[in-house]
PDB file of N, CA and C in Angstrom:
ATOM      1  N   MET A   1       6.773   4.517   4.207  1.00  0.00           N
ATOM      2  CA  MET A   1       5.699   3.221   4.326  1.00  0.00           C
ATOM      3  C   MET A   1       6.731   1.733   3.544  1.00  0.00           C
ATOM      4  N   ASN A   2       6.510   0.369   4.423  1.00  0.00           N
ATOM      5  CA  ASN A   2       7.430  -0.423   3.796  1.00  0.00           C
ATOM      6  C   ASN A   2       6.307  -1.015   3.036  1.00  0.00           C
ATOM      7  N   GLU A   3       7.603  -2.317   2.107  1.00  0.00           N
ATOM      8  CA  GLU A   3       6.879  -2.067   1.145  1.00  0.00           C
ATOM      9  C   GLU A   3       5.767  -3.400   0.370  1.00  0.00           C
ATOM     10  N   THR A   4       5.565  -4.055   1.841  1.00  0.00           N
ATOM     11  CA  THR A   4       4.000  -5.088   1.779  1.00  0.00           C
ATOM     12  C   THR A   4       3.021  -3.992   1.439  1.00  0.00           C
ATOM     13  N   LEU A   5       2.961  -2.945   2.762  1.00  0.00           N
ATOM     14  CA  LEU A   5       1.534  -1.514   2.981  1.00  0.00           C
ATOM     15  C   LEU A   5       2.035  -1.333   0.904  1.00  0.00           C
ATOM     16  N   THR A   6       2.894  -0.813   0.208  1.00  0.00           N
ATOM     17  CA  THR A   6       2.754  -0.334  -0.699  1.00  0.00           C
ATOM     18  C   THR A   6       2.633  -1.575  -1.449  1.00  0.00           C
ATOM     19  N   ASN A   7       2.567  -2.864  -1.360  1.00  0.00           N
ATOM     20  CA  ASN A   7       1.598  -3.792  -1.830  1.00  0.00           C
ATOM     21  C   ASN A   7       0.410  -3.689  -2.213  1.00  0.00           C
ATOM     22  N   PHE A   8       0.070  -3.487  -1.490  1.00  0.00           N
ATOM     23  CA  PHE A   8      -1.698  -4.046  -0.349  1.00  0.00           C
ATOM     24  C   PHE A   8      -1.839  -3.227  -1.212  1.00  0.00           C
ATOM     25  N   ARG A   9      -1.769  -1.441  -0.908  1.00  0.00           N
ATOM     26  CA  ARG A   9      -2.157  -0.085  -2.027  1.00  0.00           C
ATOM     27  C   ARG A   9      -2.450  -0.840  -2.580  1.00  0.00           C
ATOM     28  N   GLN A  10      -1.910  -0.507  -4.011  1.00  0.00           N
ATOM     29  CA  GLN A  10      -1.488  -0.684  -4.664  1.00  0.00           C
ATOM     30  C   GLN A  10      -2.986  -1.874  -5.405  1.00  0.00           C
ATOM     31  N   ALA A  11      -2.832  -2.956  -4.586  1.00  0.00           N
ATOM     32  CA  ALA A  11      -3.883  -3.946  -4.988  1.00  0.00           C
ATOM     33  C   ALA A  11      -4.763  -3.078  -4.545  1.00  0.00           C
ATOM     34  N   VAL A  12      -5.196  -2.626  -3.866  1.00  0.00           N
ATOM     35  CA  VAL A  12      -6.511  -2.242  -3.470  1.00  0.00           C
ATOM     36  C   VAL A  12      -7.040  -1.110  -4.650  1.00  0.00           C
ATOM     37  N   ALA A  13      -6.319   0.242  -4.966  1.00  0.00           N
ATOM     38  CA  ALA A  13      -6.557   0.748  -5.552  1.00  0.00           C
ATOM     39  C   ALA A  13      -6.996   0.323  -6.953  1.00  0.00           C
ATOM     40  N   ALA A  14      -5.655  -0.909  -7.091  1.00  0.00           N
ATOM     41  CA  ALA A  14      -6.660  -1.766  -8.240  1.00  0.00           C
ATOM     42  C   ALA A  14      -7.386  -2.997  -8.273  1.00  0.00           C
ATOM     43  N   SER A  15      -8.771  -3.060  -7.110  1.00  0.00           N
ATOM     44  CA  SER A  15      -9.931  -4.105  -7.269  1.00  0.00           C
ATOM     45  C   SER A  15     -10.789  -3.071  -6.612  1.00  0.00           C
ATOM     46  N   THR A  16     -11.834  -3.489  -7.187  1.00  0.00           N
ATOM     47  CA  THR A  16     -12.757  -3.220  -6.472  1.00  0.00           C
ATOM     48  C   THR A  16     -13.570  -3.849  -5.604  1.00  0.00           C
ATOM     49  N   ASP A  17     -12.817  -5.156  -5.640  1.00  0.00           N
ATOM     50  CA  ASP A  17     -13.219  -6.134  -5.071  1.00  0.00           C
ATOM     51  C   ASP A  17     -13.398  -5.258  -2.950  1.00  0.00           C
ATOM     52  N   LEU A  18     -11.644  -5.134  -3.527  1.00  0.00           N
ATOM     53  CA  LEU A  18     -10.991  -4.704  -2.292  1.00  0.00           C
ATOM     54  C   LEU A  18     -11.719  -3.661  -1.980  1.00  0.00           C
ATOM     55  N   GLN A  19     -11.863  -2.667  -2.569  1.00  0.00           N
ATOM     56  CA  GLN A  19     -12.009  -1.312  -2.107  1.00  0.00           C
ATOM     57  C   GLN A  19     -13.619  -1.952  -1.340  1.00  0.00           C
ATOM     58  N   GLU A  20     -14.332  -1.778  -2.345  1.00  0.00           N
ATOM     59  CA  GLU A  20     -16.202  -2.700  -1.136  1.00  0.00           C
ATOM     60  C   GLU A  20     -16.090  -3.188  -0.266  1.00  0.00           C
ATOM     61  N   LYS A  21     -14.463  -3.727   0.470  1.00  0.00           N
ATOM     62  CA  LYS A  21     -14.223  -4.406   1.690  1.00  0.00           C
ATOM     63  C   LYS A  21     -13.898  -3.621   2.851  1.00  0.00           C
ATOM     64  N   VAL A  22     -12.684  -2.896   2.090  1.00  0.00           N
ATOM     65  CA  VAL A  22     -12.456  -1.149   2.489  1.00  0.00           C
ATOM     66  C   VAL A  22     -13.727  -0.635   3.041  1.00  0.00           C
ATOM     67  N   LYS A  23     -14.186  -0.363   2.228  1.00  0.00           N
ATOM     68  CA  LYS A  23     -15.116   0.593   2.212  1.00  0.00           C
ATOM     69  C   LYS A  23     -16.822   0.177   3.321  1.00  0.00           C
ATOM     70  N   ALA A  24     -16.613  -1.407   3.310  1.00  0.00           N
ATOM     71  CA  ALA A  24     -17.397  -2.106   4.616  1.00  0.00           C
ATOM     72  C   ALA A  24     -16.863  -2.153   5.689  1.00  0.00           C
ATOM     73  N   GLY A  25     -15.826  -1.106   6.133  1.00  0.00           N
ATOM     74  CA  GLY A  25     -15.380  -2.057   6.646  1.00  0.00           C
ATOM     75  C   GLY A  25     -14.436  -3.087   7.224  1.00  0.00           C
ATOM     76  N   ALA A  26     -13.739  -3.403   6.815  1.00  0.00           N
ATOM     77  CA  ALA A  26     -12.977  -4.515   6.748  1.00  0.00           C
ATOM     78  C   ALA A  26     -11.901  -4.042   7.499  1.00  0.00           C
ATOM     79  N   ASP A  27     -11.607  -5.520   8.377  1.00  0.00           N
ATOM     80  CA  ASP A  27     -10.200  -5.116   9.374  1.00  0.00           C
ATOM     81  C   ASP A  27      -9.230  -5.196   8.339  1.00  0.00           C
ATOM     82  N   LEU A  28      -8.377  -3.774   8.205  1.00  0.00           N
ATOM     83  CA  LEU A  28      -6.847  -3.937   7.315  1.00  0.00           C
ATOM     84  C   LEU A  28      -6.229  -5.280   7.323  1.00  0.00           C
ATOM     85  N   VAL A  29      -5.800  -5.560   8.540  1.00  0.00           N
ATOM     86  CA  VAL A  29      -4.614  -5.769   8.815  1.00  0.00           C
ATOM     87  C   VAL A  29      -5.175  -7.486   8.467  1.00  0.00           C
ATOM     88  N   ALA A  30      -6.570  -8.024   8.707  1.00  0.00           N
ATOM     89  CA  ALA A  30      -7.411  -8.908   8.322  1.00  0.00           C
ATOM     90  C   ALA A  30      -7.399  -9.576   6.649  1.00  0.00           C
ATOM     91  N   LEU A  31      -7.713  -8.379   6.149  1.00  0.00           N
ATOM     92  CA  LEU A  31      -7.869  -8.194   4.271  1.00  0.00           C
ATOM     93  C   LEU A  31      -6.266  -8.275   3.859  1.00  0.00           C
ATOM     94  N   GLY A  32      -5.905  -8.095   4.183  1.00  0.00           N
ATOM     95  CA  GLY A  32      -4.241  -7.898   3.781  1.00  0.00           C
ATOM     96  C   GLY A  32      -3.982  -9.515   3.851  1.00  0.00           C
ATOM     97  N   LYS A  33      -3.881  -9.551   4.750  1.00  0.00           N
ATOM     98  CA  LYS A  33      -3.229 -12.253   4.550  1.00  0.00           C
ATOM     99  C   LYS A  33      -4.260 -12.274   4.386  1.00  0.00           C
ATOM    100  N   GLU A  34      -5.351 -12.291   3.638  1.00  0.00           N
ATOM    101  CA  GLU A  34      -6.328 -12.748   3.157  1.00  0.00           C
ATOM    102  C   GLU A  34      -5.794 -13.251   1.503  1.00  0.00           C
ATOM    103  N   ASN A  35      -4.961 -12.201   1.538  1.00  0.00           N
ATOM    104  CA  ASN A  35      -4.854 -11.664  -0.447  1.00  0.00           C
ATOM    105  C   ASN A  35      -3.636 -12.163  -0.204  1.00  0.00           C
ATOM    106  N   GLY A  36      -2.878 -12.395   0.788  1.00  0.00           N
ATOM    107  CA  GLY A  36      -0.905 -12.205   0.622  1.00  0.00           C
ATOM    108  C   GLY A  36      -0.276 -11.442   1.192  1.00  0.00           C
ATOM    109  N   PHE A  37      -0.939  -9.995   1.967  1.00  0.00           N
ATOM    110  CA  PHE A  37      -0.112  -9.515   2.918  1.00  0.00           C
ATOM    111  C   PHE A  37       0.213  -9.425   3.846  1.00  0.00           C
ATOM    112  N   GLU A  38       0.710  -9.577   4.624  1.00  0.00           N
ATOM    113  CA  GLU A  38       1.638  -9.530   5.989  1.00  0.00           C
ATOM    114  C   GLU A  38       1.847  -8.402   5.830  1.00  0.00           C
ATOM    115  N   PHE A  39       1.393  -7.981   7.537  1.00  0.00           N
ATOM    116  CA  PHE A  39       1.466  -6.511   8.596  1.00  0.00           C
ATOM    117  C   PHE A  39       0.421  -6.233   9.346  1.00  0.00           C
ATOM    118  N   THR A  40       1.245  -5.921  10.173  1.00  0.00           N
ATOM    119  CA  THR A  40       0.937  -5.704  11.841  1.00  0.00           C
ATOM    120  C   THR A  40       0.230  -4.136  11.993  1.00  0.00           C
ATOM    121  N   GLN A  41      -1.314  -4.444  12.092  1.00  0.00           N
ATOM    122  CA  GLN A  41      -1.740  -2.705  13.124  1.00  0.00           C
ATOM    123  C   GLN A  41      -1.470  -1.885  13.308  1.00  0.00           C
ATOM    124  N   GLU A  42       0.123  -1.990  13.791  1.00  0.00           N
ATOM    125  CA  GLU A  42       1.246  -0.912  14.236  1.00  0.00           C
ATOM    126  C   GLU A  42       1.521  -0.553  13.081  1.00  0.00           C
ATOM    127  N   GLU A  43       2.511  -1.689  12.007  1.00  0.00           N
ATOM    128  CA  GLU A  43       2.566  -1.709  10.793  1.00  0.00           C
ATOM    129  C   GLU A  43       1.345  -0.116   9.837  1.00  0.00           C
ATOM    130  N   LEU A  44       0.116  -1.001  10.199  1.00  0.00           N
ATOM    131  CA  LEU A  44      -0.771   0.304   9.253  1.00  0.00           C
ATOM    132  C   LEU A  44      -1.283   1.166   9.732  1.00  0.00           C
ATOM    133  N   GLU A  45      -0.970   0.914  10.735  1.00  0.00           N
ATOM    134  CA  GLU A  45      -0.561   2.712  11.639  1.00  0.00           C
ATOM    135  C   GLU A  45       0.146   3.976  11.107  1.00  0.00           C
ATOM    136  N   ALA A  46       1.965   3.612  11.913  1.00  0.00           N
ATOM    137  CA  ALA A  46       2.587   4.392  10.992  1.00  0.00           C
ATOM    138  C   ALA A  46       2.706   4.576   9.403  1.00  0.00           C
ATOM    139  N   GLY A  47       1.997   3.616   8.489  1.00  0.00           N
ATOM    140  CA  GLY A  47       2.203   4.194   7.172  1.00  0.00           C
ATOM    141  C   GLY A  47       1.227   4.698   6.729  1.00  0.00           C
ATOM    142  N   TRP A  48       0.136   4.690   7.471  1.00  0.00           N
ATOM    143  CA  TRP A  48      -1.021   5.776   7.183  1.00  0.00           C
ATOM    144  C   TRP A  48      -1.007   7.294   7.528  1.00  0.00           C
ATOM    145  N   GLU A  49      -0.415   6.617   9.271  1.00  0.00           N
ATOM    146  CA  GLU A  49       1.017   8.533   9.077  1.00  0.00           C
ATOM    147  C   GLU A  49       1.517   9.239   8.319  1.00  0.00           C
ATOM    148  N   GLU A  50       2.546   8.040   7.867  1.00  0.00           N
ATOM    149  CA  GLU A  50       3.496   8.806   7.367  1.00  0.00           C
ATOM    150  C   GLU A  50       2.767   8.887   5.711  1.00  0.00           C
ATOM    151  N   LEU A  51       1.750   8.236   5.170  1.00  0.00           N
ATOM    152  CA  LEU A  51       1.695   8.399   3.733  1.00  0.00           C
ATOM    153  C   LEU A  51       0.506  10.347   3.708  1.00  0.00           C
ATOM    154  N   GLN A  52      -0.093  10.332   5.088  1.00  0.00           N
ATOM    155  CA  GLN A  52      -1.291  11.627   5.137  1.00  0.00           C
ATOM    156  C   GLN A  52      -0.286  12.774   5.549  1.00  0.00           C
ATOM    157  N   GLU A  53       1.390  12.808   5.890  1.00  0.00           N
ATOM    158  CA  GLU A  53       2.388  13.210   5.283  1.00  0.00           C
ATOM    159  C   GLU A  53       3.202  13.634   4.442  1.00  0.00           C
ATOM    160  N   SER A  54       3.488  12.845   3.313  1.00  0.00           N
ATOM    161  CA  SER A  54       4.213  12.206   2.629  1.00  0.00           C
ATOM    162  C   SER A  54       3.297  13.525   1.072  1.00  0.00           C
ATOM    163  N   ASP A  55       4.219  13.456   0.148  1.00  0.00           N
ATOM    164  CA  ASP A  55       4.122  14.294  -0.784  1.00  0.00           C
ATOM    165  C   ASP A  55       3.128  13.748  -1.910  1.00  0.00           C
ATOM    166  N   GLU A  56       2.738  12.610  -1.823  1.00  0.00           N
ATOM    167  CA  GLU A  56       2.667  11.777  -2.679  1.00  0.00           C
ATOM    168  C   GLU A  56       1.209  11.455  -2.800  1.00  0.00           C
ATOM    169  N   GLY A  57       0.781  11.958  -1.027  1.00  0.00           N
ATOM    170  CA  GLY A  57      -0.279  12.013  -0.899  1.00  0.00           C
ATOM    171  C   GLY A  57      -1.667  11.267  -0.647  1.00  0.00           C
ATOM    172  N   LEU A  58      -3.095  11.095  -0.396  1.00  0.00           N
ATOM    173  CA  LEU A  58      -3.774   9.361  -0.836  1.00  0.00           C
ATOM    174  C   LEU A  58      -4.210   9.786  -1.994  1.00  0.00           C
ATOM    175  N   THR A  59      -4.691   8.715  -2.621  1.00  0.00           N
ATOM    176  CA  THR A  59      -5.428   8.234  -3.351  1.00  0.00           C
ATOM    177  C   THR A  59      -6.352   9.370  -3.937  1.00  0.00           C
ATOM    178  N   ASP A  60      -7.971   9.010  -4.992  1.00  0.00           N
ATOM    179  CA  ASP A  60      -9.018   9.149  -5.039  1.00  0.00           C
ATOM    180  C   ASP A  60     -10.138   8.402  -3.961  1.00  0.00           C
ATOM    181  N   PHE A  61      -9.665   6.821  -4.212  1.00  0.00           N
ATOM    182  CA  PHE A  61     -10.226   6.226  -3.325  1.00  0.00           C
ATOM    183  C   PHE A  61     -10.259   6.578  -2.286  1.00  0.00           C
ATOM    184  N   GLU A  62      -8.877   6.025  -1.222  1.00  0.00           N
ATOM    185  CA  GLU A  62      -8.224   7.167   0.084  1.00  0.00           C
ATOM    186  C   GLU A  62      -9.358   8.034   0.764  1.00  0.00           C
ATOM    187  N   LEU A  63      -8.746   9.701  -0.305  1.00  0.00           N
ATOM    188  CA  LEU A  63      -9.553  10.081   0.525  1.00  0.00           C
ATOM    189  C   LEU A  63     -11.454  10.182   0.088  1.00  0.00           C
ATOM    190  N   GLU A  64     -11.579   9.540  -0.502  1.00  0.00           N
ATOM    191  CA  GLU A  64     -13.026   8.804  -0.370  1.00  0.00           C
ATOM    192  C   GLU A  64     -13.398   8.134   1.254  1.00  0.00           C
ATOM    193  N   VAL A  65     -12.365   7.250   1.001  1.00  0.00           N
ATOM    194  CA  VAL A  65     -13.150   6.706   3.041  1.00  0.00           C
ATOM    195  C   VAL A  65     -12.164   7.623   3.388  1.00  0.00           C
ATOM    196  N   VAL A  66     -11.578   8.491   3.457  1.00  0.00           N
ATOM    197  CA  VAL A  66     -12.116   9.219   4.935  1.00  0.00           C
ATOM    198  C   VAL A  66     -13.048   9.845   4.788  1.00  0.00           C
ATOM    199  N   SER A  67     -12.802  10.295   3.328  1.00  0.00           N
ATOM    200  CA  SER A  67     -14.529  11.639   3.587  1.00  0.00           C
ATOM    201  C   SER A  67     -15.542  11.459   3.964  1.00  0.00           C
ATOM    202  N   GLY A  68     -15.576  10.039   4.312  1.00  0.00           N
ATOM    203  CA  GLY A  68     -16.487   8.792   4.278  1.00  0.00           C
ATOM    204  C   GLY A  68     -16.935   8.698   5.996  1.00  0.00           C
ATOM    205  N   GLY A  69     -16.231   9.117   6.631  1.00  0.00           N
ATOM    206  CA  GLY A  69     -16.074   9.323   8.161  1.00  0.00           C
ATOM    207  C   GLY A  69     -14.880   7.947   8.810  1.00  0.00           C
ATOM    208  N   GLY A  70     -13.840   6.914   7.372  1.00  0.00           N
ATOM    209  CA  GLY A  70     -13.599   6.344   8.267  1.00  0.00           C
ATOM    210  C   GLY A  70     -12.348   6.974   7.493  1.00  0.00           C
ATOM    211  N   ASN A  71     -11.114   6.169   8.485  1.00  0.00           N
ATOM    212  CA  ASN A  71      -9.380   7.015   8.258  1.00  0.00           C
ATOM    213  C   ASN A  71      -8.655   5.101   7.937  1.00  0.00           C
ATOM    214  N   GLY A  72      -9.296   3.676   7.706  1.00  0.00           N
ATOM    215  CA  GLY A  72      -8.816   2.754   7.511  1.00  0.00           C
ATOM    216  C   GLY A  72      -8.619   1.858   8.390  1.00  0.00           C
ATOM    217  N   ARG A  73      -8.602   2.445   9.435  1.00  0.00           N
ATOM    218  CA  ARG A  73      -8.528   1.434  10.221  1.00  0.00           C
ATOM    219  C   ARG A  73      -9.950   1.735  10.582  1.00  0.00           C
ATOM    220  N   LYS A  74     -10.202  -0.268  11.218  1.00  0.00           N
ATOM    221  CA  LYS A  74     -11.255  -0.659  11.568  1.00  0.00           C
ATOM    222  C   LYS A  74     -11.904  -0.114  12.877  1.00  0.00           C
ATOM    223  N   GLY A  75     -12.702   0.308  13.056  1.00  0.00           N
ATOM    224  CA  GLY A  75     -13.517   0.612  14.194  1.00  0.00           C
ATOM    225  C   GLY A  75     -13.562   2.206  14.348  1.00  0.00           C
ATOM    226  N   SER A  76     -12.629   2.642  13.304  1.00  0.00           N
ATOM    227  CA  SER A  76     -12.905   4.073  13.499  1.00  0.00           C
ATOM    228  C   SER A  76     -14.327   5.093  12.837  1.00  0.00           C
TER     229      SER A  76
END
């Protein structure tokens, strides 16, 4: 996962405000940009796939989002 996505992931993990926006279905690329993290949808999707396959795994919040029917991407 690239450094920008890693930093965005950490920012979401540390911010209940960002978590609420993610849960509400925010466009993650736009949300990232609004908060100083520039990445493309393709980078986001590649990072998400890499994260799911890694030993690091998903955070509790990410698991909650996934179990709620989302997969971290708008419109899914």
